[in-house]
Amino acid sequence: MASLKALKLRIGSVKSTQKITKAMKMVAAAKLRRAQEAAEAGRPYAQRVEQVVASLASTAQITEGSSPLLAGTGRDQVHLFVVATSDKGLAGAFNSNIARLARRRALELQAEGKTVKFLTIGRKGRAVLARQFRDGFVHAVEPGDLGKLTFADAKGYADDLIRRYEAGEFDVAHLFYATFKTVLTQEPTEQQLIPVKIPDATKAPAADAVVEYEPSEEAILDSLLPTNIAVQIYRAIRENAASEQGSKMTAMDNATRNAGDLINRLTIEYNRTRQAAITTELVEIISGAEAL
């Protein structure tokens, strides 16, 4: 049985931890509102840009002079996984869920004989994936606070990705991040970035009108495709920023509740131990008095 002093020190330690987790929960709640508003505001624009690119790509004539971002390399052997997570922990399963999806897809592709490489945006994603795919890493970025990243940062990541693609380092690029649903739900998401994914013509909705483009679809895509990659990466960063704060808020709330339960149990044990010590002292006093 622990001593009274040890129990008292432990209760004090848990109370200090509870104050920290409660403060972190409040900070996450304050950041969540701004991050959620930013993610929800940018989501329709990113979705619309993706739809426009897909629509143009489905009607464009792919020739030898077409952009490689549209035409692809003609191969499907080397896949690059752009895994976007955060630099900080204490966010529940937010980072591990994204890394788990990327790891599962990587193992599936490797089982098909494909080569998988990794480019991580966020220290936590690299830490998880490096345990199993250390030799597959080509680059890693530690962006810091996701809420402070701008579109210029996302464009820098996109430009680096395009340079690597044009250099022949990979054939297909996939983006992994968490889509913010609610404070309790963040859905790990995979999205093909390069080359642009052309929708199935049999599943696409019929067009309401014939659209003529000036300049041609190919010329528009040459300008729009790099922008779309930057927009989708920026969307992933915004979704991750909201998902991180939502997951952190939930994790810190659970930690605060668990600390309260632990304090109650330790207090009960402390009171019982103190009562046992008092009873023992009384028995010794009474026994000594009777011996006299």
Protein backbone atom coordinates (compact mmCIF):
# COMPACT_ATOMS: atom_id res chain seq x y z
CA MET A 1 0.00 0.00 0.00
CA ALA A 2 1.33 3.44 -0.92
CA SER A 3 2.22 5.85 1.85
CA LEU A 4 0.12 8.91 2.62
CA LYS A 5 2.89 11.21 1.40
CA ALA A 6 3.19 9.34 -1.92
CA LEU A 7 -0.57 9.42 -2.46
CA LYS A 8 -0.73 13.14 -1.67
CA LEU A 9 2.09 13.88 -4.14
CA ARG A 10 0.40 11.81 -6.83
CA ILE A 11 -2.94 13.56 -6.32
CA GLY A 12 -1.19 16.92 -6.66
CA SER A 13 0.58 15.76 -9.81
CA VAL A 14 -2.65 14.57 -11.44
CA LYS A 15 -4.40 17.84 -10.54
CA SER A 16 -1.60 19.79 -12.23
CA THR A 17 -1.93 17.60 -15.33
CA GLN A 18 -5.70 18.13 -15.31
CA LYS A 19 -5.22 21.91 -15.32
CA ILE A 20 -2.92 21.61 -18.35
CA THR A 21 -5.29 19.36 -20.34
CA LYS A 22 -8.23 21.64 -19.53
CA ALA A 23 -6.29 24.67 -20.75
CA MET A 24 -5.25 22.83 -23.93
CA LYS A 25 -8.87 21.90 -24.57
CA MET A 26 -9.90 25.56 -24.34
CA VAL A 27 -7.08 26.62 -26.68
CA ALA A 28 -8.07 23.92 -29.20
CA ALA A 29 -11.72 25.03 -29.01
CA ALA A 30 -10.73 28.63 -29.75
CA LYS A 31 -8.55 27.60 -32.72
CA LEU A 32 -11.14 25.12 -34.00
CA ARG A 33 -13.71 27.77 -34.82
CA ARG A 34 -11.35 29.73 -37.06
CA ALA A 35 -9.93 26.58 -38.66
CA GLN A 36 -13.39 25.13 -39.31
CA GLU A 37 -14.60 28.36 -40.92
CA ALA A 38 -11.51 28.46 -43.17
CA ALA A 39 -11.93 24.81 -44.20
CA GLU A 40 -15.63 25.16 -44.96
CA ALA A 41 -15.12 28.43 -46.85
CA GLY A 42 -12.45 26.98 -49.13
CA ARG A 43 -14.10 23.61 -49.71
CA PRO A 44 -16.62 24.70 -52.43
CA TYR A 45 -13.89 26.50 -54.40
CA ALA A 46 -11.54 23.50 -54.32
CA GLN A 47 -14.35 21.14 -55.32
CA ARG A 48 -15.42 23.40 -58.18
CA VAL A 49 -11.86 23.76 -59.51
CA GLU A 50 -11.49 19.98 -59.40
CA GLN A 51 -14.78 19.54 -61.28
CA VAL A 52 -13.82 22.08 -63.94
CA VAL A 53 -10.44 20.41 -64.48
CA ALA A 54 -12.04 16.98 -64.70
CA SER A 55 -14.66 18.25 -67.15
CA LEU A 56 -12.06 19.87 -69.40
CA ALA A 57 -9.82 16.82 -69.22
CA SER A 58 -12.65 14.53 -70.30
CA THR A 59 -13.19 16.52 -73.51
CA ALA A 60 -9.61 17.52 -74.30
CA GLN A 61 -7.69 15.76 -77.05
CA ILE A 62 -4.57 14.17 -75.57
CA THR A 63 -1.66 14.46 -78.01
CA GLU A 64 2.11 14.33 -77.81
CA GLY A 65 2.17 18.04 -76.99
CA SER A 66 -0.36 17.78 -74.16
CA SER A 67 0.68 18.70 -70.65
CA PRO A 68 2.19 15.70 -68.82
CA LEU A 69 -0.06 16.60 -65.86
CA LEU A 70 -2.96 15.62 -68.13
CA ALA A 71 -1.47 12.93 -70.35
CA GLY A 72 0.58 11.18 -67.67
CA THR A 73 3.82 9.35 -68.29
CA GLY A 74 2.18 6.34 -69.89
CA ARG A 75 3.30 4.22 -66.94
CA ASP A 76 1.80 3.22 -63.61
CA GLN A 77 4.84 1.80 -61.86
CA VAL A 78 6.10 4.43 -59.39
CA HIS A 79 3.59 6.02 -57.01
CA LEU A 80 4.36 9.01 -54.79
CA PHE A 81 2.28 9.40 -51.62
CA VAL A 82 2.00 12.99 -50.37
CA VAL A 83 0.96 12.41 -46.74
CA ALA A 84 -0.22 15.57 -44.98
CA THR A 85 -0.37 15.44 -41.18
CA SER A 86 0.71 17.82 -38.40
CA ASP A 87 3.96 18.55 -36.58
CA LYS A 88 2.42 18.22 -33.11
CA GLY A 89 0.87 15.33 -31.23
CA LEU A 90 -1.72 15.13 -28.43
CA ALA A 91 -4.43 15.06 -31.11
CA GLY A 92 -5.91 11.64 -30.56
CA ALA A 93 -5.89 9.37 -33.61
CA PHE A 94 -5.79 12.24 -36.13
CA ASN A 95 -2.24 11.65 -37.41
CA SER A 96 -2.24 7.87 -37.04
CA ASN A 97 -5.48 7.46 -39.03
CA ILE A 98 -4.03 9.30 -42.03
CA ALA A 99 -0.78 7.33 -41.81
CA ARG A 100 -2.71 4.07 -41.45
CA LEU A 101 -4.64 4.72 -44.68
CA ALA A 102 -1.43 5.58 -46.52
CA ARG A 103 0.30 2.47 -45.17
CA ARG A 104 -2.59 0.21 -46.22
CA ARG A 105 -2.65 1.63 -49.75
CA ALA A 106 1.15 1.37 -50.00
CA LEU A 107 1.09 -2.30 -49.04
CA GLU A 108 -1.66 -2.94 -51.61
CA LEU A 109 0.39 -1.33 -54.39
CA GLN A 110 3.56 -3.11 -53.33
CA ALA A 111 1.69 -6.41 -53.45
CA GLU A 112 0.92 -5.58 -57.11
CA GLY A 113 4.62 -5.07 -57.80
CA LYS A 114 4.51 -1.25 -57.75
CA THR A 115 7.11 1.07 -56.21
CA VAL A 116 5.85 3.46 -53.54
CA LYS A 117 7.65 6.63 -52.45
CA PHE A 118 6.68 9.08 -49.72
CA LEU A 119 6.72 12.86 -49.40
CA THR A 120 5.40 13.96 -46.02
CA ILE A 121 4.05 17.35 -44.98
CA GLY A 122 4.13 17.13 -41.18
CA ARG A 123 6.58 15.53 -38.76
CA LYS A 124 4.08 13.09 -37.22
CA GLY A 125 3.30 11.40 -40.52
CA ARG A 126 6.97 10.83 -41.21
CA ALA A 127 7.55 9.43 -37.70
CA VAL A 128 4.83 6.80 -38.18
CA LEU A 129 5.61 5.78 -41.78
CA ALA A 130 9.39 5.77 -41.42
CA ARG A 131 9.19 2.69 -39.20
CA GLN A 132 8.11 0.58 -42.16
CA PHE A 133 9.03 2.57 -45.28
CA ARG A 134 12.26 4.32 -44.30
CA ASP A 135 13.92 3.65 -47.67
CA GLY A 136 10.95 5.06 -49.59
CA PHE A 137 11.17 8.67 -48.38
CA VAL A 138 12.17 11.29 -50.93
CA HIS A 139 11.41 14.47 -48.98
CA ALA A 140 9.85 15.66 -45.72
CA VAL A 141 8.47 19.06 -44.73
CA GLU A 142 7.78 20.32 -41.21
CA PRO A 143 5.24 23.13 -41.78
CA GLY A 144 4.71 24.13 -38.13
CA ASP A 145 1.28 25.52 -37.22
CA LEU A 146 -1.13 24.36 -39.95
CA GLY A 147 -3.48 27.25 -39.23
CA LYS A 148 -0.81 29.78 -40.25
CA LEU A 149 0.05 28.26 -43.63
CA THR A 150 -0.96 30.32 -46.65
CA PHE A 151 -1.74 29.53 -50.27
CA ALA A 152 1.80 30.61 -51.13
CA ASP A 153 3.10 27.76 -48.95
CA ALA A 154 0.81 25.28 -50.69
CA LYS A 155 1.93 26.58 -54.09
CA GLY A 156 5.53 26.01 -53.06
CA TYR A 157 4.75 22.39 -52.19
CA ALA A 158 2.88 22.00 -55.51
CA ASP A 159 5.73 23.48 -57.55
CA ASP A 160 8.20 21.09 -55.90
CA LEU A 161 5.87 18.19 -56.66
CA ILE A 162 5.54 19.20 -60.31
CA ARG A 163 9.34 19.54 -60.67
CA ARG A 164 9.80 16.03 -59.32
CA TYR A 165 7.15 14.73 -61.72
CA GLU A 166 8.76 16.41 -64.73
CA ALA A 167 12.11 14.96 -63.64
CA GLY A 168 10.61 11.48 -63.89
CA GLU A 169 10.77 10.61 -60.18
CA PHE A 170 7.26 9.12 -60.18
CA ASP A 171 4.30 8.29 -62.42
CA VAL A 172 1.29 8.89 -60.14
CA ALA A 173 0.89 11.14 -57.09
CA HIS A 174 -1.69 10.60 -54.35
CA LEU A 175 -2.60 13.07 -51.59
CA PHE A 176 -3.59 11.84 -48.13
CA TYR A 177 -5.24 14.04 -45.49
CA ALA A 178 -8.22 14.13 -43.10
CA THR A 179 -11.54 15.65 -44.18
CA PHE A 180 -13.18 17.51 -41.32
CA LYS A 181 -16.73 16.29 -40.69
CA THR A 182 -17.50 17.14 -37.06
CA VAL A 183 -15.54 17.69 -33.87
CA LEU A 184 -15.74 13.94 -33.25
CA THR A 185 -15.29 12.76 -36.84
CA GLN A 186 -12.35 13.35 -39.20
CA GLU A 187 -12.35 11.10 -42.24
CA PRO A 188 -8.98 9.97 -43.73
CA THR A 189 -9.08 10.80 -47.45
CA GLU A 190 -7.06 9.77 -50.52
CA GLN A 191 -7.04 11.90 -53.67
CA GLN A 192 -5.13 11.43 -56.92
CA LEU A 193 -3.25 14.60 -57.78
CA ILE A 194 -1.10 13.71 -60.80
CA PRO A 195 -2.06 13.01 -63.51
CA VAL A 196 -5.54 14.49 -63.36
CA LYS A 197 -8.14 11.80 -62.86
CA ILE A 198 -10.51 11.75 -65.84
CA PRO A 199 -14.07 10.76 -64.85
CA ASP A 200 -15.75 7.76 -66.41
CA ALA A 201 -17.81 9.02 -69.36
CA THR A 202 -20.52 6.42 -68.66
CA LYS A 203 -21.02 7.76 -65.11
CA ALA A 204 -20.71 11.46 -65.83
CA PRO A 205 -23.95 13.48 -65.96
CA ALA A 206 -25.12 14.58 -69.37
CA ALA A 207 -24.21 18.15 -70.30
CA ASP A 208 -27.05 20.65 -70.51
CA ALA A 209 -25.39 22.65 -73.26
CA VAL A 210 -22.54 22.51 -75.75
CA VAL A 211 -19.64 24.66 -74.56
CA GLU A 212 -16.99 26.06 -76.88
CA TYR A 213 -13.71 27.18 -75.35
CA GLU A 214 -11.43 29.95 -76.49
CA PRO A 215 -8.55 29.21 -76.27
CA SER A 216 -8.79 25.42 -76.52
CA GLU A 217 -9.32 23.03 -73.62
CA GLU A 218 -5.64 22.03 -73.82
CA ALA A 219 -4.44 25.63 -73.51
CA ILE A 220 -6.73 26.26 -70.54
CA LEU A 221 -5.58 23.08 -68.85
CA ASP A 222 -1.91 24.00 -69.29
CA SER A 223 -2.56 26.97 -67.02
CA LEU A 224 -5.21 25.46 -64.77
CA LEU A 225 -3.62 22.09 -63.91
CA PRO A 226 -0.71 23.47 -61.79
CA THR A 227 -3.13 25.80 -60.02
CA ASN A 228 -5.47 22.90 -59.28
CA ILE A 229 -2.64 20.94 -57.61
CA ALA A 230 -1.83 23.92 -55.37
CA VAL A 231 -5.53 24.41 -54.56
CA GLN A 232 -6.01 20.76 -53.59
CA ILE A 233 -2.91 20.79 -51.36
CA TYR A 234 -4.11 24.00 -49.72
CA ARG A 235 -7.51 22.43 -49.19
CA ALA A 236 -5.85 19.42 -47.54
CA ILE A 237 -3.90 21.73 -45.22
CA ARG A 238 -7.08 23.60 -44.23
CA GLU A 239 -8.99 20.39 -43.66
CA ASN A 240 -6.11 19.07 -41.56
CA ALA A 241 -5.97 22.26 -39.51
CA ALA A 242 -9.64 21.90 -38.55
CA SER A 243 -9.36 18.14 -38.05
CA GLU A 244 -6.29 18.52 -35.82
CA GLN A 245 -7.99 21.01 -33.50
CA GLY A 246 -11.21 18.98 -33.37
CA SER A 247 -9.33 15.80 -32.54
CA LYS A 248 -7.14 17.62 -30.01
CA MET A 249 -10.19 19.16 -28.33
CA THR A 250 -11.80 15.73 -27.97
CA ALA A 251 -8.57 14.13 -26.74
CA MET A 252 -7.95 16.82 -24.12
CA ASP A 253 -11.58 16.62 -22.94
CA ASN A 254 -11.20 12.87 -22.46
CA ALA A 255 -7.87 13.38 -20.69
CA THR A 256 -9.43 15.92 -18.33
CA ARG A 257 -12.29 13.56 -17.50
CA ASN A 258 -9.89 10.66 -16.93
CA ALA A 259 -7.76 12.83 -14.65
CA GLY A 260 -10.86 13.68 -12.61
CA ASP A 261 -11.74 10.00 -12.25
CA LEU A 262 -8.18 9.20 -11.20
CA ILE A 263 -8.20 12.01 -8.63
CA ASN A 264 -11.42 10.62 -7.13
CA ARG A 265 -9.95 7.11 -6.87
CA LEU A 266 -6.71 8.37 -5.36
CA THR A 267 -8.62 10.54 -2.87
CA ILE A 268 -10.65 7.55 -1.74
CA GLU A 269 -7.47 5.48 -1.37
CA TYR A 270 -5.80 8.34 0.52
CA ASN A 271 -8.74 8.64 2.94
CA ARG A 272 -8.83 4.89 3.52
CA THR A 273 -5.08 4.76 4.11
CA ARG A 274 -5.26 7.68 6.54
CA GLN A 275 -8.18 6.12 8.38
CA ALA A 276 -6.30 2.82 8.66
CA ALA A 277 -3.27 4.63 10.04
CA ILE A 278 -5.39 6.46 12.62
CA THR A 279 -7.12 3.23 13.64
CA THR A 280 -3.76 1.50 14.04
CA GLU A 281 -2.45 4.31 16.24
CA LEU A 282 -5.57 4.20 18.45
CA VAL A 283 -5.29 0.43 18.83
CA GLU A 284 -1.66 0.81 19.85
CA ILE A 285 -2.49 3.53 22.39
CA ILE A 286 -5.35 1.53 23.91
CA SER A 287 -3.23 -1.64 24.01
CA GLY A 288 -0.44 0.25 25.74
CA ALA A 289 -2.81 1.76 28.30
CA GLU A 290 -4.30 -1.64 29.08
CA ALA A 291 -0.81 -3.11 29.52
CA LEU A 292 -0.11 -0.57 32.27
